[in-house]
Amino acid sequence: MTDKKLLLFSNGSELIGDEQTEFALSSFRDFLGADVRRILFVPFAAVIKSYDEYAARVRAGFGPLGFAIESLHEAPDALAAVERAEAFAVGGGNTFHLLRGLYEAGVIEAIRARVEAGAPYVGWSAGSNVACPTIRTTNDMPVVEPPNFKALNLVPFQINPHYTDESLAGHHGETRDDRLAEFTHANPGVRVVGLREGTILRIEGASVTLLGGKPARVFVKGEAPADVSAEDSLQFILS
């Protein structure tokens, strides 16, 4: 993790959506710093909206901040686009569709190498999921089938975006905690970080910070789920 820089949002509505907030935008600007001006956007999580529409939405959100956005689906040479990118933004939507698109574009290894060399990575929702070793803690339905569930493996833990511990009245199915307990039981030793809405994980080298004013919930087999706040050390999730 020595050179990696990742900013992982639970959701993107506060970043590029109708609920855009100064907190999300300032976190984004501060993370990228003054040196990054060109960002490669990965739109493959879009299913119903077109990639063109998704890219236009991201340009409308990030353009006023002074960033030039290139979308991977527009690149005549995907690997060349990855190599020249100063930073990556990987959007939310359907995680299975996103991962399949990354495999079809042949850029999994190239993006991993660039981020490991220090290129900043920003992800939200599905884009945070694919930063993990696998996508097996997504909330999404497998509307398409990627070659496998292995993802970018940029962090050594799993993320569950949009995490909530609320229960719906009249709902008798499993809760989110039940589902994540099943995952950790079947995958001993793998930690899952439940990211509540409006929160962000900022990772720089061996440092990890929780932003957003709400606790994250960490799941691992053999331990009770534990809430951790911004004041707590999260270094253990990088081990």
Foldseek 3Di string as FASTA:
>chain_A
DAQFWEKEALACCCQQNPVPDPVNVVVVDVSLDDPAAEEEEEQQQDDPDDSVVVQVSVCVRCVVVRHHYDYLVPDPQNLVCLVPHQAYEYEHHALLRSQQVCVVSVCLVVNLVVRVVHRYYYYYQSGNQLLAQFNVQEPHDNPDHHPDGGHNHNADAGEYRQDDQDDDPPDDDDGSVRVVQVVQVVPAPHKYKYHHHQWIWIDGRLAIFIDGQFWIWIDHPPDDIDTDHRVDGPSVRRD
